[in-house]
């Protein structure tokens, strides 16, 4: 009879410790993922700020060349 009680209590304590371990492991993983999300958010914001500048740097010479070509051909 005592073994049934001791066994039940022991299994309860082991399961509680395992649950605590898994909870802490999950919390650490969530914190790591949140840090990654912050890094990605910062990278996206930087890209959004730089995209119009880079596009303008690429398009401006092309537009100038097209303008010169139109002038040379006489189309305008």
Protein backbone atom coordinates (compact mmCIF):
# COMPACT_ATOMS: atom_id res chain seq x y z
CA UNK A 1 0.00 0.00 0.00
CA UNK A 2 2.80 2.42 0.86
CA UNK A 3 4.45 1.71 -2.47
CA UNK A 4 1.36 2.80 -4.37
CA UNK A 5 1.30 6.12 -2.54
CA UNK A 6 5.05 6.67 -2.79
CA UNK A 7 5.04 5.68 -6.45
CA UNK A 8 2.18 8.05 -7.24
CA UNK A 9 3.82 10.93 -5.38
CA UNK A 10 7.15 10.22 -7.03
CA UNK A 11 5.63 10.13 -10.51
CA UNK A 12 3.77 13.38 -9.76
CA UNK A 13 7.00 15.10 -8.68
CA UNK A 14 8.86 13.85 -11.75
CA UNK A 15 6.12 15.03 -14.08
CA UNK A 16 6.03 18.44 -12.38
CA UNK A 17 9.80 18.80 -12.77
CA UNK A 18 9.61 17.76 -16.43
CA UNK A 19 6.81 20.26 -17.06
CA UNK A 20 8.86 23.01 -15.41
CA UNK A 21 11.88 22.08 -17.53
CA UNK A 22 9.89 22.12 -20.75
CA UNK A 23 8.27 25.45 -19.84
CA UNK A 24 11.65 27.08 -19.23
CA UNK A 25 13.01 25.62 -22.46
CA UNK A 26 10.04 26.99 -24.39
CA UNK A 27 10.41 30.44 -22.82
CA UNK A 28 14.08 30.57 -23.83
CA UNK A 29 13.18 29.58 -27.37
CA UNK A 30 10.48 32.26 -27.52
CA UNK A 31 12.95 34.89 -26.32
CA UNK A 32 15.44 33.84 -29.01
CA UNK A 33 12.74 34.01 -31.68
CA UNK A 34 11.61 37.44 -30.47
CA UNK A 35 15.20 38.66 -30.79
CA UNK A 36 15.29 37.33 -34.36
CA UNK A 37 12.02 39.10 -35.14
CA UNK A 38 13.50 42.36 -33.87
CA UNK A 39 16.53 41.91 -36.11
CA UNK A 40 14.36 41.19 -39.13
CA UNK A 41 12.13 44.18 -38.36
CA UNK A 42 15.17 46.46 -38.17
CA UNK A 43 16.52 45.08 -41.45
CA UNK A 44 13.18 45.59 -43.20
CA UNK A 45 12.88 49.15 -41.96
CA UNK A 46 16.40 49.90 -43.17
CA UNK A 47 15.65 48.38 -46.57
CA UNK A 48 12.42 50.37 -46.87
CA UNK A 49 14.31 53.58 -46.14
CA UNK A 50 17.09 52.84 -48.63
CA UNK A 51 14.98 51.40 -51.47
CA UNK A 52 13.76 54.74 -52.90
CA UNK A 53 17.30 56.15 -52.83
CA UNK A 54 18.73 53.14 -54.64
CA UNK A 55 15.91 53.18 -57.17
CA UNK A 56 16.51 56.85 -57.88
CA UNK A 57 20.24 56.21 -58.29
CA UNK A 58 19.45 53.54 -60.89
CA UNK A 59 16.65 55.34 -62.73
CA UNK A 60 18.20 58.82 -62.91
CA UNK A 61 21.01 57.95 -65.37
CA UNK A 62 18.59 55.96 -67.52
CA UNK A 63 16.15 58.87 -67.65
CA UNK A 64 18.98 61.24 -68.55
CA UNK A 65 20.13 58.93 -71.34
CA UNK A 66 16.59 58.63 -72.70
CA UNK A 67 16.23 62.42 -72.64
CA UNK A 68 19.51 62.83 -74.54
CA UNK A 69 18.44 60.16 -77.04
CA UNK A 70 15.11 61.91 -77.61
CA UNK A 71 16.92 65.19 -78.15
CA UNK A 72 19.35 63.61 -80.57
CA UNK A 73 16.57 61.96 -82.57
CA UNK A 74 14.37 65.01 -82.43
CA UNK A 75 11.45 63.31 -80.72
CA UNK A 76 9.89 65.32 -77.94
